[in-house]
Amino acid sequence: MIRKVEKYDFKTFGQAIKAARKAKGLSRNELADQIHIAPRYIASIENSGQHPSLQIFYELVTLLDVSVDQFFFPNKETDKSTQRRQLESLLDDISDKGLQIVTATAKEVKEVETEDE
């Protein structure tokens, strides 16, 4: 009996990797150097939806703080989006003074959003 399996299209994943790489200010060459692969391999993943090996997949999502839930469970609300994960990563690297500024800004945004409802 032949089991029918839908093949996963990695194009959306590649686009997310490209966006996350750019958000972190990394060139393809810099990212490739960090995970010890050829820059053209990253270009193929980003632009053509090439299937990365499981190891490269893991390294890309952990290094770039990309949530994989959005790809595997597209109809399910994820705990933390890629954008939230990336923001948390940025917050880890700022000082207490910077955290105070971000907290004050977030409170103001929340107030404005609440007024608009």
C-alpha atoms as a PDB file:
ATOM      1  CA  MET A   1       0.000   0.000   0.000  1.00  0.00           C
ATOM      2  CA  ILE A   2       1.318   3.415  -0.953  1.00  0.00           C
ATOM      3  CA  ARG A   3       0.954   6.075   1.684  1.00  0.00           C
ATOM      4  CA  LYS A   4      -0.020   9.448   0.281  1.00  0.00           C
ATOM      5  CA  VAL A   5       1.905  12.233   2.011  1.00  0.00           C
ATOM      6  CA  GLU A   6       1.625  15.903   1.215  1.00  0.00           C
ATOM      7  CA  LYS A   7       5.077  17.344   0.614  1.00  0.00           C
ATOM      8  CA  TYR A   8       5.867  20.436   2.665  1.00  0.00           C
ATOM      9  CA  ASP A   9       6.599  23.581   0.654  1.00  0.00           C
ATOM     10  CA  PHE A  10       9.598  25.306   2.235  1.00  0.00           C
ATOM     11  CA  LYS A  11       9.175  28.601   0.345  1.00  0.00           C
ATOM     12  CA  THR A  12       7.392  30.290   3.271  1.00  0.00           C
ATOM     13  CA  PHE A  13      10.111  29.056   5.610  1.00  0.00           C
ATOM     14  CA  GLY A  14      12.773  30.466   3.281  1.00  0.00           C
ATOM     15  CA  GLN A  15      11.046  33.852   3.212  1.00  0.00           C
ATOM     16  CA  ALA A  16      10.898  33.905   7.018  1.00  0.00           C
ATOM     17  CA  ILE A  17      14.588  33.039   7.260  1.00  0.00           C
ATOM     18  CA  LYS A  18      15.456  35.841   4.834  1.00  0.00           C
ATOM     19  CA  ALA A  19      13.354  38.380   6.791  1.00  0.00           C
ATOM     20  CA  ALA A  20      14.843  37.278  10.125  1.00  0.00           C
ATOM     21  CA  ARG A  21      18.382  37.399   8.741  1.00  0.00           C
ATOM     22  CA  LYS A  22      17.834  40.934   7.463  1.00  0.00           C
ATOM     23  CA  ALA A  23      16.189  41.991  10.749  1.00  0.00           C
ATOM     24  CA  LYS A  24      19.339  40.884  12.569  1.00  0.00           C
ATOM     25  CA  GLY A  25      21.482  42.821  10.084  1.00  0.00           C
ATOM     26  CA  LEU A  26      23.280  39.743   8.777  1.00  0.00           C
ATOM     27  CA  SER A  27      24.409  39.218   5.213  1.00  0.00           C
ATOM     28  CA  ARG A  28      24.127  35.755   3.671  1.00  0.00           C
ATOM     29  CA  ASN A  29      27.899  35.452   3.897  1.00  0.00           C
ATOM     30  CA  GLU A  30      27.917  36.299   7.602  1.00  0.00           C
ATOM     31  CA  LEU A  31      25.137  33.818   8.358  1.00  0.00           C
ATOM     32  CA  ALA A  32      26.817  31.147   6.258  1.00  0.00           C
ATOM     33  CA  ASP A  33      30.095  31.681   8.139  1.00  0.00           C
ATOM     34  CA  GLN A  34      28.331  31.316  11.490  1.00  0.00           C
ATOM     35  CA  ILE A  35      26.775  27.958  10.632  1.00  0.00           C
ATOM     36  CA  HIS A  36      29.600  26.760   8.369  1.00  0.00           C
ATOM     37  CA  ILE A  37      27.707  26.361   5.104  1.00  0.00           C
ATOM     38  CA  ALA A  38      27.961  27.943   1.658  1.00  0.00           C
ATOM     39  CA  PRO A  39      26.162  31.279   1.133  1.00  0.00           C
ATOM     40  CA  ARG A  40      24.525  29.830  -1.990  1.00  0.00           C
ATOM     41  CA  TYR A  41      22.894  27.144   0.193  1.00  0.00           C
ATOM     42  CA  ILE A  42      21.256  29.924   2.233  1.00  0.00           C
ATOM     43  CA  ALA A  43      20.238  31.690  -0.986  1.00  0.00           C
ATOM     44  CA  SER A  44      18.602  28.467  -2.204  1.00  0.00           C
ATOM     45  CA  ILE A  45      16.699  28.059   1.064  1.00  0.00           C
ATOM     46  CA  GLU A  46      15.566  31.702   1.059  1.00  0.00           C
ATOM     47  CA  ASN A  47      14.709  32.078  -2.621  1.00  0.00           C
ATOM     48  CA  SER A  48      13.838  28.622  -3.922  1.00  0.00           C
ATOM     49  CA  GLY A  49      12.471  26.906  -0.849  1.00  0.00           C
ATOM     50  CA  GLN A  50      15.239  24.289  -0.850  1.00  0.00           C
ATOM     51  CA  HIS A  51      14.743  21.751   1.923  1.00  0.00           C
ATOM     52  CA  PRO A  52      17.465  22.285   4.522  1.00  0.00           C
ATOM     53  CA  SER A  53      18.871  19.359   6.460  1.00  0.00           C
ATOM     54  CA  LEU A  54      17.399  18.972   9.936  1.00  0.00           C
ATOM     55  CA  GLN A  55      20.646  20.251  11.461  1.00  0.00           C
ATOM     56  CA  ILE A  56      20.692  23.388   9.277  1.00  0.00           C
ATOM     57  CA  PHE A  57      16.967  23.922   9.913  1.00  0.00           C
ATOM     58  CA  TYR A  58      17.646  23.786  13.665  1.00  0.00           C
ATOM     59  CA  GLU A  59      20.624  26.127  13.465  1.00  0.00           C
ATOM     60  CA  LEU A  60      18.742  28.678  11.347  1.00  0.00           C
ATOM     61  CA  VAL A  61      15.657  28.851  13.568  1.00  0.00           C
ATOM     62  CA  THR A  62      17.637  29.012  16.811  1.00  0.00           C
ATOM     63  CA  LEU A  63      20.202  31.537  15.581  1.00  0.00           C
ATOM     64  CA  LEU A  64      17.571  33.790  13.974  1.00  0.00           C
ATOM     65  CA  ASP A  65      14.897  33.319  16.692  1.00  0.00           C
ATOM     66  CA  VAL A  66      12.290  32.056  14.221  1.00  0.00           C
ATOM     67  CA  SER A  67       9.191  30.323  15.592  1.00  0.00           C
ATOM     68  CA  VAL A  68       8.597  27.060  13.730  1.00  0.00           C
ATOM     69  CA  ASP A  69       5.019  26.741  15.014  1.00  0.00           C
ATOM     70  CA  GLN A  70       3.827  29.104  12.310  1.00  0.00           C
ATOM     71  CA  PHE A  71       4.999  26.614   9.671  1.00  0.00           C
ATOM     72  CA  PHE A  72       3.917  23.335  11.236  1.00  0.00           C
ATOM     73  CA  PHE A  73       0.678  24.541  12.816  1.00  0.00           C
ATOM     74  CA  PRO A  74      -0.487  27.421  10.594  1.00  0.00           C
ATOM     75  CA  ASN A  75      -4.090  27.302  11.858  1.00  0.00           C
ATOM     76  CA  LYS A  76      -3.137  27.257  15.525  1.00  0.00           C
ATOM     77  CA  GLU A  77      -2.327  30.387  17.491  1.00  0.00           C
ATOM     78  CA  THR A  78       1.302  30.155  18.544  1.00  0.00           C
ATOM     79  CA  ASP A  79       2.579  30.955  22.012  1.00  0.00           C
ATOM     80  CA  LYS A  80       5.231  33.308  20.693  1.00  0.00           C
ATOM     81  CA  SER A  81       5.516  34.631  17.173  1.00  0.00           C
ATOM     82  CA  THR A  82       8.835  35.084  15.440  1.00  0.00           C
ATOM     83  CA  GLN A  83       8.575  38.820  15.996  1.00  0.00           C
ATOM     84  CA  ARG A  84       8.090  38.334  19.758  1.00  0.00           C
ATOM     85  CA  ARG A  85      11.032  35.922  19.927  1.00  0.00           C
ATOM     86  CA  GLN A  86      13.249  38.411  18.100  1.00  0.00           C
ATOM     87  CA  LEU A  87      12.160  41.226  20.405  1.00  0.00           C
ATOM     88  CA  GLU A  88      12.961  39.097  23.457  1.00  0.00           C
ATOM     89  CA  SER A  89      16.385  38.392  22.015  1.00  0.00           C
ATOM     90  CA  LEU A  90      16.995  42.130  21.608  1.00  0.00           C
ATOM     91  CA  LEU A  91      15.770  42.804  25.148  1.00  0.00           C
ATOM     92  CA  ASP A  92      18.313  40.323  26.522  1.00  0.00           C
ATOM     93  CA  ASP A  93      21.098  42.551  25.243  1.00  0.00           C
ATOM     94  CA  ILE A  94      20.008  45.950  26.570  1.00  0.00           C
ATOM     95  CA  SER A  95      20.794  47.639  29.876  1.00  0.00           C
ATOM     96  CA  ASP A  96      18.385  48.247  32.750  1.00  0.00           C
ATOM     97  CA  LYS A  97      18.064  51.863  31.598  1.00  0.00           C
ATOM     98  CA  GLY A  98      17.111  50.633  28.143  1.00  0.00           C
ATOM     99  CA  LEU A  99      14.551  48.249  29.670  1.00  0.00           C
ATOM    100  CA  GLN A 100      12.967  51.176  31.533  1.00  0.00           C
ATOM    101  CA  ILE A 101      12.596  53.070  28.256  1.00  0.00           C
ATOM    102  CA  VAL A 102      11.130  50.046  26.463  1.00  0.00           C
ATOM    103  CA  THR A 103       8.713  49.383  29.336  1.00  0.00           C
ATOM    104  CA  ALA A 104       7.518  52.995  29.382  1.00  0.00           C
ATOM    105  CA  THR A 105       7.087  52.947  25.609  1.00  0.00           C
ATOM    106  CA  ALA A 106       5.164  49.654  25.727  1.00  0.00           C
ATOM    107  CA  LYS A 107       2.804  51.077  28.372  1.00  0.00           C
ATOM    108  CA  GLU A 108       2.123  54.118  26.191  1.00  0.00           C
ATOM    109  CA  VAL A 109       1.452  51.928  23.136  1.00  0.00           C
ATOM    110  CA  LYS A 110      -0.924  49.773  25.171  1.00  0.00           C
ATOM    111  CA  GLU A 111      -2.828  52.872  26.354  1.00  0.00           C
ATOM    112  CA  VAL A 112      -3.163  54.188  22.797  1.00  0.00           C
ATOM    113  CA  GLU A 113      -4.355  50.807  21.530  1.00  0.00           C
ATOM    114  CA  THR A 114      -6.888  50.571  24.351  1.00  0.00           C
ATOM    115  CA  GLU A 115      -8.232  54.067  23.563  1.00  0.00           C
ATOM    116  CA  ASP A 116      -8.683  53.095  19.890  1.00  0.00           C
ATOM    117  CA  GLU A 117     -10.921  50.130  20.734  1.00  0.00           C
END
